Amino acid sequence: MDDEPSTRIFIKTGAGRAALARRSATGRARTALILVNGQDSVQALRAKLGPEADALIGELQRCGLVELLRPLPQAAALPSLQAPPPPRMDESGRLEPLKRDAMVRLAPHFGPDVPIVAASLLAATESAAYNMALGKIEARLALYLGKARAAQVLTGLRG
């Protein structure tokens, strides 16, 4: 792990998880403790917490509520013997008619903002990404039309 402070990653300790459960941490310290997730670097936490991020994380560390994520032992860093993931399949040709139909169906509901609302749908090149984007659009549409009507508008568009 890099020793650069902005690339460090912290995780909650048992005491930190207990403090959240007991709600003993309050205010900005509680927010910081919630945001420490074992994945976001200090730099990412700064973007979420603002200029006091370093002080908040330092205080949480001094109180024993968070700790620095330790690097994996060298043995764990050996190359994996698992098979590589299968290559991603480009399904753009099959998805294009569905994308066009989706744009036509969404136009009455989102007007000139359809390309913005459907940007991730239009960028999808495989079914999983396309269906995820369509699900997000359906959830957004459900805010205005209700779940049943939104599902009806998008019926038959799953990839």
Foldseek 3Di string as FASTA:
>chain_A
DDPPQQQWAKDFDPVLVVCLVVVVDDDLLNVLSVPRHRPHGLNRSCVVSPPCSVVSVVVCVVVRGMDTDDDDPPVVVDDDPDDDDDDDDFQCVVLVVLVVLLLVLCCVVQPPCSCVLCVQLNVDRDQVSNQVSLVVSLVVVCVPVNNVVSCVSSPPSRD
